[in-house]
Amino acid sequence: MSRSFAADERVLEVVAQTTALSAENFGAACKLAVRVFGSEKQSKRRLTRTASSSGWETQQMEQAVLAIAKILMDAAKTELPEQAFRLALKGMEMLEDHVEVLTQLYAAHAEDIRACVTKETGTSIPHYRNLEWRIDLELGTRFLRNKPKPIVTLRLDTSTRPSSSSVPQVQSTCLRVDYDSLRLMQRQLETALKEVPRTPSWSLKELHQEGAKLDAADTVLTEDKLCELAELCHLHVEEEKLPELLKGVESIIQCTKTIQAMTLNENIDDVYAKNDYDAGVAPLREDVVTEGNYAEKVLANAAEKAGYFFKVPKVLQD
C-alpha cells in the first residue's frame, strides 16, 4: 500500500490562501473539514459564522474546508503515518502552527475518516474483476474503395457488495464500439478530467495521437494513470489487478492504432498476404504484449480468416 500522497494544484492554491488565517480560525476550518466525514449534515450557519470571524466570504471558506477534507481523506486512505503526514503538510508550505493543528486532528480522526471512505468504496462502487475484448475488421477488396471500420467488442466484469455481510454480486457489461466512438469517448473523458480537481500531469491525448511514431521506451499509460481514470469512472481496481487491466487497455489502444495505419495502405490485401511483412508500414510496440511475437500472431490470425475478418482474441497471451 502506498504511504504517500500528492495534493493537486487546486488544493495547493487554497492551502496558500489559508496562510492569511490565524491558528484559531484555521483550526475552526479544520474541524469543519472533519465534520464532512460524519453522519451529521454540514451546518451552513456554522460555516458562515466561521467565515465571518475570519473576514472571508462563505464560498471562500467552503473551498478551504473542502480542500482540507481532501487532504485528510487522501492521507487516511493511504494510511499515512502521523510523521509522514506532518512532512507532507510542510511540503505544501503550510504555516508551522497550521501544520500542528491539522496534524493533531488527523491523528485523532484518521481511523474514523478511513472507515468512512472504505465503507463508501466497499459498498457503492463496483470493483473490477476482468476485461475481455476483441477487434473485428472486414478486409474484402471492396474496402480498397471504402474506409474500413474496425469494431471493438468489450466485456467488463465487475462486482458490487450491497453490505459487508452479503455475497458480492457479479455483473457483466458488454459493449460494441467503432473507432469513431472510441475517439468520442476519449474526448468526453478528456473533458471530464479537466473538470475534476487533480494534478494536470498527463492527458488522454497521449494515448492516441494521429500519425504519432510509437517508441517502446515511452510509457503512454501507467498503472497510476489507469487507476485515476477508473476512479473518475467510479470503478475500483485492486492493486493486484492493475497490471492485467493495463495490458488489456494498452493492447486495445495499440491494436486500433495499428489497424488504422494498415488500412491506410493502398495495397491492403498485399499487406496481409505477404510473409515478409514490413513492420515499418504499421509499427507495433513490443512492450504491449510481452509473451510471444505479437506482430506474427496478429498477421497469422488475419491470414487464417482468408482476408475477410481480422480478430484479436483478448490480449494474445498464448
Protein backbone atom coordinates (compact mmCIF):
# COMPACT_ATOMS: atom_id res chain seq x y z
CA MET A 1 0.00 0.00 0.00
CA SER A 2 1.22 3.47 -0.88
CA ARG A 3 2.48 5.53 2.05
CA SER A 4 2.42 8.93 0.38
CA PHE A 5 0.05 11.19 -1.47
CA ALA A 6 0.29 14.28 -3.64
CA ALA A 7 -2.19 17.15 -3.44
CA ASP A 8 -3.46 18.57 -6.73
CA GLU A 9 -2.92 22.16 -7.79
CA ARG A 10 -6.36 23.40 -6.71
CA VAL A 11 -5.79 22.13 -3.18
CA LEU A 12 -2.36 23.77 -3.07
CA GLU A 13 -3.85 27.08 -4.22
CA VAL A 14 -6.40 27.01 -1.38
CA VAL A 15 -3.72 25.99 1.15
CA ALA A 16 -1.70 29.04 0.10
CA GLN A 17 -4.72 31.24 0.82
CA THR A 18 -5.09 29.82 4.36
CA THR A 19 -1.82 31.47 5.39
CA ALA A 20 -3.94 34.58 5.96
CA LEU A 21 -5.90 32.78 8.70
CA SER A 22 -4.94 32.82 12.36
CA ALA A 23 -4.25 29.48 14.04
CA GLU A 24 -7.63 29.72 15.77
CA ASN A 25 -9.60 30.37 12.58
CA PHE A 26 -7.63 27.73 10.70
CA GLY A 27 -8.42 25.25 13.47
CA ALA A 28 -12.13 26.07 13.14
CA ALA A 29 -11.94 25.39 9.39
CA CYS A 30 -10.16 22.08 10.05
CA LYS A 31 -12.89 21.00 12.47
CA LEU A 32 -15.50 21.73 9.80
CA ALA A 33 -13.46 19.58 7.39
CA VAL A 34 -13.52 16.66 9.84
CA ARG A 35 -17.31 17.00 10.13
CA VAL A 36 -17.56 16.34 6.37
CA PHE A 37 -16.93 12.66 7.15
CA GLY A 38 -19.53 12.48 9.92
CA SER A 39 -23.14 11.37 9.71
CA GLU A 40 -24.49 14.82 10.57
CA LYS A 41 -25.34 17.26 7.79
CA GLN A 42 -22.89 20.15 7.48
CA SER A 43 -24.28 23.29 9.13
CA LYS A 44 -24.42 26.24 6.76
CA ARG A 45 -24.78 28.59 9.72
CA ARG A 46 -21.59 27.28 11.34
CA LEU A 47 -19.75 27.67 8.03
CA THR A 48 -21.00 31.26 7.63
CA ARG A 49 -20.04 32.11 11.21
CA THR A 50 -16.53 30.72 10.76
CA ALA A 51 -16.10 32.65 7.50
CA SER A 52 -17.33 35.87 9.12
CA SER A 53 -14.94 35.62 12.06
CA SER A 54 -12.09 35.09 9.59
CA GLY A 55 -13.06 38.03 7.39
CA TRP A 56 -13.75 35.70 4.46
CA GLU A 57 -16.71 35.13 2.17
CA THR A 58 -18.68 31.95 2.88
CA GLN A 59 -17.77 30.47 -0.52
CA GLN A 60 -14.06 31.03 0.10
CA MET A 61 -14.27 29.33 3.50
CA GLU A 62 -16.20 26.43 1.97
CA GLN A 63 -13.43 25.91 -0.58
CA ALA A 64 -10.87 25.88 2.24
CA VAL A 65 -12.89 23.33 4.22
CA LEU A 66 -13.23 21.03 1.19
CA ALA A 67 -9.51 21.32 0.39
CA ILE A 68 -8.59 20.37 3.97
CA ALA A 69 -11.09 17.50 3.84
CA LYS A 70 -9.43 16.27 0.62
CA ILE A 71 -6.02 16.30 2.32
CA LEU A 72 -7.38 14.35 5.29
CA MET A 73 -9.17 11.84 3.06
CA ASP A 74 -6.17 11.13 0.81
CA ALA A 75 -3.87 10.69 3.81
CA ALA A 76 -6.33 8.42 5.63
CA LYS A 77 -6.94 6.28 2.52
CA THR A 78 -3.20 5.61 2.17
CA GLU A 79 -2.84 5.07 5.95
CA LEU A 80 -0.18 7.78 6.09
CA PRO A 81 1.67 7.78 9.45
CA GLU A 82 1.42 10.93 11.57
CA GLN A 83 5.04 11.96 11.00
CA ALA A 84 4.76 11.45 7.23
CA PHE A 85 1.54 13.49 7.25
CA ARG A 86 3.34 16.30 9.06
CA LEU A 87 6.14 16.28 6.45
CA ALA A 88 3.58 16.28 3.62
CA LEU A 89 1.93 19.40 5.06
CA LYS A 90 5.30 21.14 5.37
CA GLY A 91 5.93 20.25 1.74
CA MET A 92 2.78 22.21 0.88
CA GLU A 93 4.42 25.26 2.52
CA MET A 94 1.75 25.37 5.21
CA LEU A 95 2.40 27.59 8.24
CA GLU A 96 4.04 25.79 11.16
CA ASP A 97 1.19 26.42 13.60
CA HIS A 98 -1.31 25.31 10.94
CA VAL A 99 0.69 22.10 10.46
CA GLU A 100 0.43 21.34 14.17
CA VAL A 101 -3.31 21.99 14.29
CA LEU A 102 -4.11 19.80 11.28
CA THR A 103 -1.71 17.03 12.33
CA GLN A 104 -3.37 16.76 15.74
CA LEU A 105 -6.81 16.49 14.13
CA TYR A 106 -5.52 13.89 11.66
CA ALA A 107 -4.06 11.76 14.47
CA ALA A 108 -7.36 11.92 16.35
CA HIS A 109 -9.71 11.21 13.42
CA ALA A 110 -7.70 9.29 10.77
CA GLU A 111 -9.27 5.91 11.62
CA ASP A 112 -12.81 7.29 11.52
CA ILE A 113 -12.16 9.04 8.20
CA ARG A 114 -10.63 5.88 6.72
CA ALA A 115 -13.59 3.80 7.92
CA CYS A 116 -15.99 6.25 6.30
CA VAL A 117 -14.11 6.25 2.98
CA THR A 118 -13.64 2.46 2.98
CA LYS A 119 -17.31 1.90 3.71
CA GLU A 120 -18.30 4.02 0.73
CA THR A 121 -15.78 2.34 -1.55
CA GLY A 122 -16.67 -1.18 -0.49
CA THR A 123 -20.43 -0.90 -0.84
CA SER A 124 -21.36 1.56 -3.55
CA ILE A 125 -18.54 1.47 -6.13
CA PRO A 126 -18.20 -1.54 -8.49
CA HIS A 127 -14.94 -3.49 -8.22
CA TYR A 128 -13.09 -4.53 -11.38
CA ARG A 129 -12.83 -8.30 -11.95
CA ASN A 130 -11.99 -8.97 -15.60
CA LEU A 131 -11.86 -7.45 -19.11
CA GLU A 132 -12.42 -9.50 -22.30
CA TRP A 133 -12.09 -7.92 -25.74
CA ARG A 134 -11.53 -8.47 -29.44
CA ILE A 135 -11.26 -6.34 -32.59
CA ASP A 136 -13.18 -7.21 -35.78
CA LEU A 137 -12.27 -5.82 -39.20
CA GLU A 138 -13.66 -6.85 -42.58
CA LEU A 139 -10.94 -6.86 -45.23
CA GLY A 140 -12.70 -7.55 -48.56
CA THR A 141 -11.26 -5.99 -51.73
CA ARG A 142 -14.21 -3.59 -51.86
CA PHE A 143 -12.59 -1.77 -48.95
CA LEU A 144 -9.92 -0.54 -51.32
CA ARG A 145 -12.62 1.96 -52.36
CA ASN A 146 -14.14 2.49 -48.91
CA LYS A 147 -12.75 3.26 -45.47
CA PRO A 148 -12.62 0.11 -43.29
CA LYS A 149 -14.14 0.43 -39.82
CA PRO A 150 -12.66 -1.73 -37.05
CA ILE A 151 -15.14 -2.70 -34.31
CA VAL A 152 -14.02 -3.24 -30.70
CA THR A 153 -16.09 -5.67 -28.62
CA LEU A 154 -15.66 -5.37 -24.85
CA ARG A 155 -16.99 -7.27 -21.87
CA LEU A 156 -16.29 -5.77 -18.45
CA ASP A 157 -16.94 -7.94 -15.38
CA THR A 158 -17.46 -6.09 -12.09
CA SER A 159 -18.73 -6.97 -8.63
CA THR A 160 -20.64 -5.00 -6.02
CA ARG A 161 -21.31 -5.78 -2.38
CA PRO A 162 -24.51 -4.20 -1.00
CA SER A 163 -23.36 -4.78 2.58
CA SER A 164 -20.39 -6.21 4.46
CA SER A 165 -22.39 -9.33 5.31
CA SER A 166 -23.69 -10.05 1.79
CA VAL A 167 -22.12 -12.05 -1.05
CA PRO A 168 -20.55 -9.96 -3.87
CA GLN A 169 -22.80 -9.72 -6.93
CA VAL A 170 -21.07 -10.12 -10.31
CA GLN A 171 -22.28 -8.11 -13.29
CA SER A 172 -21.08 -8.24 -16.91
CA THR A 173 -21.41 -5.26 -19.23
CA CYS A 174 -20.95 -5.78 -22.99
CA LEU A 175 -20.18 -3.05 -25.50
CA ARG A 176 -19.50 -2.90 -29.24
CA VAL A 177 -17.98 0.35 -30.38
CA ASP A 178 -16.39 1.59 -33.61
CA TYR A 179 -13.22 3.62 -33.95
CA ASP A 180 -15.00 6.98 -34.15
CA SER A 181 -16.97 6.23 -30.99
CA LEU A 182 -13.75 5.34 -29.17
CA ARG A 183 -12.37 8.73 -30.15
CA LEU A 184 -15.59 10.39 -28.90
CA MET A 185 -15.25 8.55 -25.57
CA GLN A 186 -11.66 9.79 -25.38
CA ARG A 187 -12.75 13.41 -25.85
CA GLN A 188 -15.52 13.05 -23.25
CA LEU A 189 -13.07 11.64 -20.69
CA GLU A 190 -10.61 14.39 -21.54
CA THR A 191 -13.30 16.97 -20.76
CA ALA A 192 -14.22 15.20 -17.53
CA LEU A 193 -10.59 15.12 -16.40
CA LYS A 194 -10.37 18.89 -16.80
CA GLU A 195 -13.40 19.37 -14.53
CA VAL A 196 -12.08 17.21 -11.67
CA PRO A 197 -9.64 18.62 -9.05
CA ARG A 198 -6.39 16.86 -9.98
CA THR A 199 -2.81 17.45 -10.98
CA PRO A 200 -2.83 18.03 -14.77
CA SER A 201 0.32 15.97 -15.28
CA TRP A 202 -0.93 13.99 -18.28
CA SER A 203 -3.57 13.97 -20.96
CA LEU A 204 -5.62 11.31 -22.72
CA LYS A 205 -4.31 12.77 -25.96
CA GLU A 206 -1.04 10.98 -25.16
CA LEU A 207 -2.83 7.66 -25.61
CA HIS A 208 -4.00 8.08 -29.18
CA GLN A 209 -2.28 10.65 -31.38
CA GLU A 210 -2.80 10.62 -35.13
CA GLY A 211 0.41 9.93 -37.01
CA ALA A 212 2.45 9.57 -33.84
CA LYS A 213 5.53 7.36 -34.01
CA LEU A 214 5.49 4.62 -31.42
CA ASP A 215 8.54 4.38 -29.20
CA ALA A 216 8.86 1.34 -26.96
CA ALA A 217 10.83 3.41 -24.47
CA ASP A 218 7.90 5.78 -23.93
CA THR A 219 5.15 4.81 -21.49
CA VAL A 220 1.90 6.47 -22.57
CA LEU A 221 -0.18 4.76 -19.91
CA THR A 222 0.82 3.73 -16.39
CA GLU A 223 -0.91 1.95 -13.52
CA ASP A 224 -1.30 5.27 -11.69
CA LYS A 225 -2.95 6.91 -14.71
CA LEU A 226 -5.21 3.89 -15.22
CA CYS A 227 -6.23 3.92 -11.56
CA GLU A 228 -7.04 7.64 -11.81
CA LEU A 229 -9.23 7.03 -14.86
CA ALA A 230 -11.00 4.15 -13.10
CA GLU A 231 -11.79 6.35 -10.09
CA LEU A 232 -13.14 9.02 -12.43
CA CYS A 233 -15.48 6.39 -13.91
CA HIS A 234 -16.50 5.18 -10.41
CA LEU A 235 -14.71 1.83 -10.77
CA HIS A 236 -12.46 0.47 -8.01
CA VAL A 237 -9.43 -1.57 -9.16
CA GLU A 238 -7.35 -3.53 -6.64
CA GLU A 239 -3.58 -3.10 -6.97
CA GLU A 240 -3.03 -6.73 -7.95
CA LYS A 241 -5.49 -6.33 -10.85
CA LEU A 242 -3.84 -3.22 -12.31
CA PRO A 243 -1.08 -4.95 -14.38
CA GLU A 244 -3.62 -7.22 -16.10
CA LEU A 245 -6.01 -4.35 -16.87
CA LEU A 246 -3.14 -2.12 -18.02
CA LYS A 247 -2.01 -4.76 -20.52
CA GLY A 248 -5.53 -5.11 -21.90
CA VAL A 249 -6.14 -1.37 -22.27
CA GLU A 250 -2.74 -0.72 -23.88
CA SER A 251 -3.27 -3.60 -26.29
CA ILE A 252 -6.66 -2.23 -27.38
CA ILE A 253 -5.15 1.22 -27.92
CA GLN A 254 -2.18 -0.06 -29.91
CA CYS A 255 -4.24 -2.53 -31.95
CA THR A 256 -6.63 0.20 -33.08
CA LYS A 257 -3.70 2.44 -33.99
CA THR A 258 -2.09 -0.42 -35.91
CA ILE A 259 -5.29 -1.21 -37.81
CA GLN A 260 -5.75 2.42 -38.79
CA ALA A 261 -2.16 2.54 -40.06
CA MET A 262 -2.56 -0.69 -42.02
CA THR A 263 -5.82 0.26 -43.68
CA LEU A 264 -4.32 3.49 -44.99
CA ASN A 265 -2.01 1.39 -47.20
CA GLU A 266 -3.22 1.27 -50.81
CA ASN A 267 -2.27 -2.41 -51.23
CA ILE A 268 -4.16 -3.62 -48.20
CA ASP A 269 -4.60 -7.18 -49.49
CA ASP A 270 -0.88 -7.44 -50.24
CA VAL A 271 0.00 -6.28 -46.73
CA TYR A 272 -1.90 -9.17 -45.16
CA ALA A 273 -0.84 -11.74 -47.77
CA LYS A 274 2.92 -11.20 -47.66
CA ASN A 275 5.10 -13.39 -45.47
CA ASP A 276 7.85 -10.77 -45.34
CA TYR A 277 5.58 -8.17 -43.75
CA ASP A 278 7.24 -4.77 -43.35
CA ALA A 279 6.71 -3.61 -39.76
CA GLY A 280 7.54 -0.08 -40.89
CA VAL A 281 4.13 0.18 -42.55
CA ALA A 282 2.41 -0.10 -39.17
CA PRO A 283 4.95 -0.38 -36.35
CA LEU A 284 3.93 -2.36 -33.28
CA ARG A 285 5.19 -1.72 -29.78
CA GLU A 286 6.99 -4.74 -28.41
CA ASP A 287 6.05 -3.89 -24.83
CA VAL A 288 2.29 -4.13 -25.39
CA VAL A 289 2.27 -7.90 -25.11
CA THR A 290 5.38 -9.46 -23.64
CA GLU A 291 4.63 -13.12 -24.36
CA GLY A 292 5.48 -14.33 -27.85
CA ASN A 293 5.78 -12.44 -31.14
CA TYR A 294 2.84 -10.03 -31.24
CA ALA A 295 3.08 -8.96 -34.91
CA GLU A 296 3.34 -12.53 -36.22
CA LYS A 297 0.31 -13.68 -34.24
CA VAL A 298 -1.84 -10.79 -35.44
CA LEU A 299 -0.91 -11.41 -39.08
CA ALA A 300 -1.27 -15.18 -38.78
CA ASN A 301 -4.74 -14.70 -37.35
CA ALA A 302 -5.68 -12.34 -40.18
CA ALA A 303 -4.38 -14.78 -42.80
CA GLU A 304 -6.33 -17.61 -41.19
CA LYS A 305 -9.53 -15.65 -41.77
CA ALA A 306 -8.81 -15.56 -45.52
CA GLY A 307 -8.69 -11.80 -45.69
CA TYR A 308 -12.26 -11.19 -44.56
CA PHE A 309 -12.16 -10.83 -40.78
CA PHE A 310 -9.40 -9.62 -38.53
CA LYS A 311 -9.91 -10.77 -34.92
CA VAL A 312 -7.65 -10.27 -31.93
CA PRO A 313 -8.75 -12.59 -29.09
CA LYS A 314 -8.27 -10.95 -25.67
CA VAL A 315 -4.58 -9.94 -25.32
CA LEU A 316 -2.95 -12.70 -27.38
CA GLN A 317 -1.22 -14.04 -24.28
CA ASP A 318 -0.78 -17.61 -25.50
